PDB file of N, CA and C in Angstrom:
ATOM      1  N   MET A   1       0.840  -1.185   0.000  1.00  0.00           N
ATOM      2  CA  MET A   1       0.000   0.000   0.000  1.00  0.00           C
ATOM      3  C   MET A   1       0.883   1.247   0.000  1.00  0.00           C
ATOM      4  N   ILE A   2       0.554   2.216  -0.802  1.00  0.00           N
ATOM      5  CA  ILE A   2       1.323   3.454  -0.905  1.00  0.00           C
ATOM      6  C   ILE A   2       0.805   4.440   0.129  1.00  0.00           C
ATOM      7  N   ASN A   3       1.721   5.034   0.858  1.00  0.00           N
ATOM      8  CA  ASN A   3       1.378   6.046   1.849  1.00  0.00           C
ATOM      9  C   ASN A   3       1.146   7.367   1.132  1.00  0.00           C
ATOM     10  N   LYS A   4      -0.040   7.931   1.267  1.00  0.00           N
ATOM     11  CA  LYS A   4      -0.389   9.186   0.596  1.00  0.00           C
ATOM     12  C   LYS A   4       0.579  10.306   0.969  1.00  0.00           C
ATOM     13  N   ASN A   5       1.040  10.347   2.222  1.00  0.00           N
ATOM     14  CA  ASN A   5       1.917  11.414   2.692  1.00  0.00           C
ATOM     15  C   ASN A   5       3.356  11.263   2.230  1.00  0.00           C
ATOM     16  N   SER A   6       3.698  10.144   1.591  1.00  0.00           N
ATOM     17  CA  SER A   6       5.069   9.966   1.134  1.00  0.00           C
ATOM     18  C   SER A   6       5.311  10.553  -0.250  1.00  0.00           C
ATOM     19  N   SER A   7       4.281  11.052  -0.886  1.00  0.00           N
ATOM     20  CA  SER A   7       4.411  11.635  -2.218  1.00  0.00           C
ATOM     21  C   SER A   7       5.269  12.894  -2.181  1.00  0.00           C
ATOM     22  N   PRO A   8       6.191  13.063  -3.137  1.00  0.00           N
ATOM     23  CA  PRO A   8       7.002  14.280  -3.161  1.00  0.00           C
ATOM     24  C   PRO A   8       6.181  15.524  -3.477  1.00  0.00           C
ATOM     25  N   HIS A   9       4.939  15.339  -3.903  1.00  0.00           N
ATOM     26  CA  HIS A   9       4.086  16.480  -4.232  1.00  0.00           C
ATOM     27  C   HIS A   9       3.286  16.970  -3.044  1.00  0.00           C
ATOM     28  N   ASN A  10       3.351  16.262  -1.925  1.00  0.00           N
ATOM     29  CA  ASN A  10       2.621  16.669  -0.723  1.00  0.00           C
ATOM     30  C   ASN A  10       3.593  17.156   0.325  1.00  0.00           C
ATOM     31  N   SER A  11       3.204  18.177   1.034  1.00  0.00           N
ATOM     32  CA  SER A  11       4.035  18.728   2.082  1.00  0.00           C
ATOM     33  C   SER A  11       3.551  18.241   3.432  1.00  0.00           C
ATOM     34  N   MET A  12       4.200  18.700   4.464  1.00  0.00           N
ATOM     35  CA  MET A  12       3.795  18.378   5.817  1.00  0.00           C
ATOM     36  C   MET A  12       2.476  19.066   6.148  1.00  0.00           C
ATOM     37  N   GLU A  13       2.011  19.941   5.307  1.00  0.00           N
ATOM     38  CA  GLU A  13       0.810  20.725   5.554  1.00  0.00           C
ATOM     39  C   GLU A  13      -0.425  20.099   4.912  1.00  0.00           C
ATOM     40  N   GLY A  14      -0.438  18.803   4.697  1.00  0.00           N
ATOM     41  CA  GLY A  14      -1.601  18.144   4.126  1.00  0.00           C
ATOM     42  C   GLY A  14      -1.468  17.954   2.638  1.00  0.00           C
ATOM     43  N   ASP A  15      -2.502  18.343   1.901  1.00  0.00           N
ATOM     44  CA  ASP A  15      -2.539  18.119   0.460  1.00  0.00           C
ATOM     45  C   ASP A  15      -1.927  19.252  -0.347  1.00  0.00           C
ATOM     46  N   LEU A  16      -1.291  20.208   0.305  1.00  0.00           N
ATOM     47  CA  LEU A  16      -0.655  21.309  -0.413  1.00  0.00           C
ATOM     48  C   LEU A  16       0.607  20.812  -1.098  1.00  0.00           C
ATOM     49  N   PRO A  17       0.930  21.354  -2.277  1.00  0.00           N
ATOM     50  CA  PRO A  17       2.184  20.974  -2.925  1.00  0.00           C
ATOM     51  C   PRO A  17       3.375  21.447  -2.098  1.00  0.00           C
ATOM     52  N   LEU A  18       4.464  20.736  -2.182  1.00  0.00           N
ATOM     53  CA  LEU A  18       5.666  21.083  -1.424  1.00  0.00           C
ATOM     54  C   LEU A  18       6.180  22.457  -1.835  1.00  0.00           C
ATOM     55  N   LEU A  19       6.182  22.751  -3.135  1.00  0.00           N
ATOM     56  CA  LEU A  19       6.641  24.041  -3.657  1.00  0.00           C
ATOM     57  C   LEU A  19       5.547  24.675  -4.490  1.00  0.00           C
ATOM     58  N   ILE A  20       5.516  26.016  -4.467  1.00  0.00           N
ATOM     59  CA  ILE A  20       4.555  26.722  -5.306  1.00  0.00           C
ATOM     60  C   ILE A  20       5.297  27.726  -6.184  1.00  0.00           C
ATOM     61  N   SER A  21       4.700  28.044  -7.310  1.00  0.00           N
ATOM     62  CA  SER A  21       5.307  28.970  -8.271  1.00  0.00           C
ATOM     63  C   SER A  21       5.319  30.391  -7.726  1.00  0.00           C
ATOM     64  N   ALA A  22       6.104  31.235  -8.357  1.00  0.00           N
ATOM     65  CA  ALA A  22       6.175  32.642  -7.971  1.00  0.00           C
ATOM     66  C   ALA A  22       4.817  33.313  -8.132  1.00  0.00           C
ATOM     67  N   ASN A  23       4.117  33.012  -9.210  1.00  0.00           N
ATOM     68  CA  ASN A  23       2.799  33.627  -9.427  1.00  0.00           C
ATOM     69  C   ASN A  23       1.820  33.226  -8.334  1.00  0.00           C
ATOM     70  N   LYS A  24       1.825  31.948  -7.954  1.00  0.00           N
ATOM     71  CA  LYS A  24       0.926  31.473  -6.901  1.00  0.00           C
ATOM     72  C   LYS A  24       1.343  32.058  -5.549  1.00  0.00           C
ATOM     73  N   ALA A  25       2.640  32.167  -5.300  1.00  0.00           N
ATOM     74  CA  ALA A  25       3.135  32.752  -4.048  1.00  0.00           C
ATOM     75  C   ALA A  25       2.718  34.219  -3.952  1.00  0.00           C
ATOM     76  N   ALA A  26       2.843  34.959  -5.053  1.00  0.00           N
ATOM     77  CA  ALA A  26       2.446  36.372  -5.066  1.00  0.00           C
ATOM     78  C   ALA A  26       0.948  36.492  -4.809  1.00  0.00           C
ATOM     79  N   GLU A  27       0.167  35.634  -5.442  1.00  0.00           N
ATOM     80  CA  GLU A  27      -1.283  35.640  -5.236  1.00  0.00           C
ATOM     81  C   GLU A  27      -1.611  35.320  -3.772  1.00  0.00           C
ATOM     82  N   THR A  28      -0.914  34.344  -3.195  1.00  0.00           N
ATOM     83  CA  THR A  28      -1.136  33.952  -1.806  1.00  0.00           C
ATOM     84  C   THR A  28      -0.842  35.104  -0.854  1.00  0.00           C
ATOM     85  N   LEU A  29       0.219  35.853  -1.138  1.00  0.00           N
ATOM     86  CA  LEU A  29       0.598  36.982  -0.287  1.00  0.00           C
ATOM     87  C   LEU A  29      -0.224  38.240  -0.579  1.00  0.00           C
ATOM     88  N   GLY A  30      -0.881  38.266  -1.724  1.00  0.00           N
ATOM     89  CA  GLY A  30      -1.666  39.447  -2.096  1.00  0.00           C
ATOM     90  C   GLY A  30      -0.806  40.582  -2.613  1.00  0.00           C
ATOM     91  N   VAL A  31       0.315  40.226  -3.245  1.00  0.00           N
ATOM     92  CA  VAL A  31       1.208  41.233  -3.821  1.00  0.00           C
ATOM     93  C   VAL A  31       1.422  40.909  -5.294  1.00  0.00           C
ATOM     94  N   SER A  32       2.014  41.848  -6.016  1.00  0.00           N
ATOM     95  CA  SER A  32       2.311  41.605  -7.429  1.00  0.00           C
ATOM     96  C   SER A  32       3.538  40.692  -7.549  1.00  0.00           C
ATOM     97  N   ALA A  33       3.695  40.095  -8.710  1.00  0.00           N
ATOM     98  CA  ALA A  33       4.861  39.254  -8.972  1.00  0.00           C
ATOM     99  C   ALA A  33       6.144  40.079  -8.861  1.00  0.00           C
ATOM    100  N   ARG A  34       6.097  41.335  -9.285  1.00  0.00           N
ATOM    101  CA  ARG A  34       7.269  42.211  -9.196  1.00  0.00           C
ATOM    102  C   ARG A  34       7.650  42.478  -7.742  1.00  0.00           C
ATOM    103  N   THR A  35       6.652  42.719  -6.889  1.00  0.00           N
ATOM    104  CA  THR A  35       6.919  42.941  -5.468  1.00  0.00           C
ATOM    105  C   THR A  35       7.515  41.689  -4.838  1.00  0.00           C
ATOM    106  N   LEU A  36       6.976  40.519  -5.185  1.00  0.00           N
ATOM    107  CA  LEU A  36       7.521  39.265  -4.667  1.00  0.00           C
ATOM    108  C   LEU A  36       8.978  39.114  -5.095  1.00  0.00           C
ATOM    109  N   TRP A  37       9.280  39.414  -6.344  1.00  0.00           N
ATOM    110  CA  TRP A  37      10.653  39.307  -6.837  1.00  0.00           C
ATOM    111  C   TRP A  37      11.574  40.262  -6.074  1.00  0.00           C
ATOM    112  N   THR A  38      11.113  41.479  -5.816  1.00  0.00           N
ATOM    113  CA  THR A  38      11.895  42.455  -5.053  1.00  0.00           C
ATOM    114  C   THR A  38      12.175  41.928  -3.647  1.00  0.00           C
ATOM    115  N   LEU A  39      11.166  41.370  -2.994  1.00  0.00           N
ATOM    116  CA  LEU A  39      11.339  40.807  -1.654  1.00  0.00           C
ATOM    117  C   LEU A  39      12.271  39.594  -1.670  1.00  0.00           C
ATOM    118  N   THR A  40      12.193  38.812  -2.726  1.00  0.00           N
ATOM    119  CA  THR A  40      13.062  37.641  -2.864  1.00  0.00           C
ATOM    120  C   THR A  40      14.514  38.078  -3.034  1.00  0.00           C
ATOM    121  N   ARG A  41      14.758  39.035  -3.909  1.00  0.00           N
ATOM    122  CA  ARG A  41      16.128  39.524  -4.144  1.00  0.00           C
ATOM    123  C   ARG A  41      16.710  40.180  -2.903  1.00  0.00           C
ATOM    124  N   ALA A  42      15.860  40.803  -2.085  1.00  0.00           N
ATOM    125  CA  ALA A  42      16.320  41.463  -0.858  1.00  0.00           C
ATOM    126  C   ALA A  42      16.595  40.453   0.256  1.00  0.00           C
ATOM    127  N   GLY A  43      16.192  39.197   0.048  1.00  0.00           N
ATOM    128  CA  GLY A  43      16.407  38.173   1.063  1.00  0.00           C
ATOM    129  C   GLY A  43      15.302  38.124   2.106  1.00  0.00           C
ATOM    130  N   THR A  44      14.220  38.852   1.868  1.00  0.00           N
ATOM    131  CA  THR A  44      13.103  38.877   2.814  1.00  0.00           C
ATOM    132  C   THR A  44      12.314  37.575   2.778  1.00  0.00           C
ATOM    133  N   ILE A  45      12.187  36.994   1.607  1.00  0.00           N
ATOM    134  CA  ILE A  45      11.434  35.748   1.454  1.00  0.00           C
ATOM    135  C   ILE A  45      12.359  34.676   0.879  1.00  0.00           C
ATOM    136  N   PRO A  46      12.603  33.604   1.639  1.00  0.00           N
ATOM    137  CA  PRO A  46      13.448  32.511   1.140  1.00  0.00           C
ATOM    138  C   PRO A  46      12.804  31.834  -0.069  1.00  0.00           C
ATOM    139  N   HIS A  47      13.636  31.283  -0.925  1.00  0.00           N
ATOM    140  CA  HIS A  47      13.141  30.630  -2.132  1.00  0.00           C
ATOM    141  C   HIS A  47      13.986  29.402  -2.449  1.00  0.00           C
ATOM    142  N   VAL A  48      13.491  28.628  -3.394  1.00  0.00           N
ATOM    143  CA  VAL A  48      14.192  27.448  -3.894  1.00  0.00           C
ATOM    144  C   VAL A  48      14.368  27.641  -5.389  1.00  0.00           C
ATOM    145  N   ARG A  49      15.588  27.461  -5.870  1.00  0.00           N
ATOM    146  CA  ARG A  49      15.843  27.576  -7.308  1.00  0.00           C
ATOM    147  C   ARG A  49      15.926  26.163  -7.892  1.00  0.00           C
ATOM    148  N   LEU A  50      15.076  25.910  -8.876  1.00  0.00           N
ATOM    149  CA  LEU A  50      15.085  24.643  -9.604  1.00  0.00           C
ATOM    150  C   LEU A  50      15.324  24.966 -11.068  1.00  0.00           C
ATOM    151  N   GLY A  51      16.556  24.821 -11.490  1.00  0.00           N
ATOM    152  CA  GLY A  51      16.915  25.248 -12.838  1.00  0.00           C
ATOM    153  C   GLY A  51      16.754  26.757 -12.922  1.00  0.00           C
ATOM    154  N   HIS A  52      15.913  27.201 -13.833  1.00  0.00           N
ATOM    155  CA  HIS A  52      15.660  28.635 -13.983  1.00  0.00           C
ATOM    156  C   HIS A  52      14.445  29.103 -13.179  1.00  0.00           C
ATOM    157  N   ARG A  53      13.728  28.159 -12.599  1.00  0.00           N
ATOM    158  CA  ARG A  53      12.502  28.509 -11.861  1.00  0.00           C
ATOM    159  C   ARG A  53      12.805  28.863 -10.418  1.00  0.00           C
ATOM    160  N   ILE A  54      12.084  29.836  -9.921  1.00  0.00           N
ATOM    161  CA  ILE A  54      12.126  30.203  -8.515  1.00  0.00           C
ATOM    162  C   ILE A  54      10.814  29.716  -7.911  1.00  0.00           C
ATOM    163  N   MET A  55      10.931  28.922  -6.847  1.00  0.00           N
ATOM    164  CA  MET A  55       9.761  28.356  -6.185  1.00  0.00           C
ATOM    165  C   MET A  55       9.806  28.724  -4.704  1.00  0.00           C
ATOM    166  N   TYR A  56       8.671  28.599  -4.054  1.00  0.00           N
ATOM    167  CA  TYR A  56       8.544  28.981  -2.652  1.00  0.00           C
ATOM    168  C   TYR A  56       7.845  27.876  -1.878  1.00  0.00           C
ATOM    169  N   THR A  57       8.175  27.748  -0.592  1.00  0.00           N
ATOM    170  CA  THR A  57       7.448  26.834   0.278  1.00  0.00           C
ATOM    171  C   THR A  57       6.385  27.633   1.026  1.00  0.00           C
ATOM    172  N   HIS A  58       5.326  26.952   1.390  1.00  0.00           N
ATOM    173  CA  HIS A  58       4.275  27.615   2.165  1.00  0.00           C
ATOM    174  C   HIS A  58       4.848  28.107   3.492  1.00  0.00           C
ATOM    175  N   SER A  59       5.708  27.310   4.104  1.00  0.00           N
ATOM    176  CA  SER A  59       6.260  27.704   5.402  1.00  0.00           C
ATOM    177  C   SER A  59       7.141  28.944   5.284  1.00  0.00           C
ATOM    178  N   SER A  60       7.874  29.103   4.171  1.00  0.00           N
ATOM    179  CA  SER A  60       8.714  30.295   4.025  1.00  0.00           C
ATOM    180  C   SER A  60       7.858  31.554   3.874  1.00  0.00           C
ATOM    181  N   LEU A  61       6.703  31.419   3.233  1.00  0.00           N
ATOM    182  CA  LEU A  61       5.796  32.561   3.109  1.00  0.00           C
ATOM    183  C   LEU A  61       5.220  32.933   4.475  1.00  0.00           C
ATOM    184  N   HIS A  62       4.813  31.918   5.242  1.00  0.00           N
ATOM    185  CA  HIS A  62       4.283  32.166   6.585  1.00  0.00           C
ATOM    186  C   HIS A  62       5.341  32.809   7.477  1.00  0.00           C
ATOM    187  N   GLU A  63       6.566  32.302   7.408  1.00  0.00           N
ATOM    188  CA  GLU A  63       7.651  32.842   8.233  1.00  0.00           C
ATOM    189  C   GLU A  63       7.974  34.286   7.858  1.00  0.00           C
ATOM    190  N   ALA A  64       7.982  34.588   6.564  1.00  0.00           N
ATOM    191  CA  ALA A  64       8.275  35.953   6.117  1.00  0.00           C
ATOM    192  C   ALA A  64       7.205  36.920   6.617  1.00  0.00           C
ATOM    193  N   VAL A  65       5.957  36.492   6.574  1.00  0.00           N
ATOM    194  CA  VAL A  65       4.876  37.346   7.078  1.00  0.00           C
ATOM    195  C   VAL A  65       5.042  37.552   8.583  1.00  0.00           C
ATOM    196  N   ALA A  66       5.321  36.477   9.313  1.00  0.00           N
ATOM    197  CA  ALA A  66       5.477  36.581  10.768  1.00  0.00           C
ATOM    198  C   ALA A  66       6.654  37.490  11.137  1.00  0.00           C
ATOM    199  N   LYS A  67       7.770  37.367  10.438  1.00  0.00           N
ATOM    200  CA  LYS A  67       8.956  38.172  10.732  1.00  0.00           C
ATOM    201  C   LYS A  67       8.749  39.654  10.422  1.00  0.00           C
ATOM    202  N   ASN A  68       7.828  39.939   9.535  1.00  0.00           N
ATOM    203  CA  ASN A  68       7.609  41.324   9.124  1.00  0.00           C
ATOM    204  C   ASN A  68       6.280  41.884   9.614  1.00  0.00           C
ATOM    205  N   THR A  69       5.740  41.268  10.649  1.00  0.00           N
ATOM    206  CA  THR A  69       4.501  41.741  11.245  1.00  0.00           C
ATOM    207  C   THR A  69       4.828  42.707  12.374  1.00  0.00           C
ATOM    208  N   PHE A  70       4.278  43.904  12.305  1.00  0.00           N
ATOM    209  CA  PHE A  70       4.514  44.949  13.296  1.00  0.00           C
ATOM    210  C   PHE A  70       3.260  45.135  14.147  1.00  0.00           C
ATOM    211  N   THR A  71       3.459  45.296  15.439  1.00  0.00           N
ATOM    212  CA  THR A  71       2.352  45.558  16.354  1.00  0.00           C
ATOM    213  C   THR A  71       2.772  46.653  17.318  1.00  0.00           C
ATOM    214  N   GLY A  72       2.221  47.841  17.171  1.00  0.00           N
ATOM    215  CA  GLY A  72       2.485  48.926  18.102  1.00  0.00           C
ATOM    216  C   GLY A  72       3.947  49.226  18.318  1.00  0.00           C
ATOM    217  N   GLY A  73       4.728  49.293  17.249  1.00  0.00           N
ATOM    218  CA  GLY A  73       6.143  49.607  17.369  1.00  0.00           C
ATOM    219  C   GLY A  73       6.996  48.417  17.778  1.00  0.00           C
ATOM    220  N   ILE A  74       6.434  47.199  17.728  1.00  0.00           N
ATOM    221  CA  ILE A  74       7.185  46.002  18.090  1.00  0.00           C
ATOM    222  C   ILE A  74       7.250  45.081  16.878  1.00  0.00           C
ATOM    223  N   LYS A  75       8.458  44.613  16.572  1.00  0.00           N
ATOM    224  CA  LYS A  75       8.670  43.680  15.477  1.00  0.00           C
ATOM    225  C   LYS A  75       9.382  42.469  16.058  1.00  0.00           C
ATOM    226  N   ASN A  76       8.837  41.278  15.854  1.00  0.00           N
ATOM    227  CA  ASN A  76       9.441  40.063  16.389  1.00  0.00           C
ATOM    228  C   ASN A  76       9.640  40.142  17.900  1.00  0.00           C
ATOM    229  N   GLY A  77       8.726  40.783  18.596  1.00  0.00           N
ATOM    230  CA  GLY A  77       8.813  40.866  20.045  1.00  0.00           C
ATOM    231  C   GLY A  77       9.782  41.901  20.569  1.00  0.00           C
ATOM    232  N   GLU A  78      10.420  42.675  19.679  1.00  0.00           N
ATOM    233  CA  GLU A  78      11.379  43.699  20.095  1.00  0.00           C
ATOM    234  C   GLU A  78      10.879  45.077  19.693  1.00  0.00           C
ATOM    235  N   ARG A  79      11.064  46.047  20.568  1.00  0.00           N
ATOM    236  CA  ARG A  79      10.672  47.421  20.275  1.00  0.00           C
ATOM    237  C   ARG A  79      11.584  47.986  19.182  1.00  0.00           C
ATOM    238  N   ILE A  80      10.962  48.670  18.212  1.00  0.00           N
ATOM    239  CA  ILE A  80      11.747  49.259  17.122  1.00  0.00           C
ATOM    240  C   ILE A  80      11.731  50.756  17.225  1.00  0.00           C
TER     241      ILE A  80
END
């Protein structure tokens, strides 16, 4: 019997693909593809390079949002 979770197309997050395209990542974040590329080049959002393609993990998108979330002058639990 094949284990559904052992597929390379499934991530630890259920039925989501392990990697998503730049266009899908930009759509998920609610930004343009150009903005995503700018954030990627700045090192704000980690990525995976597969040949000429740039791909993203769901967890890297979540982490980037968490790291850049500001609340009342506090970023990552530290006053800015």
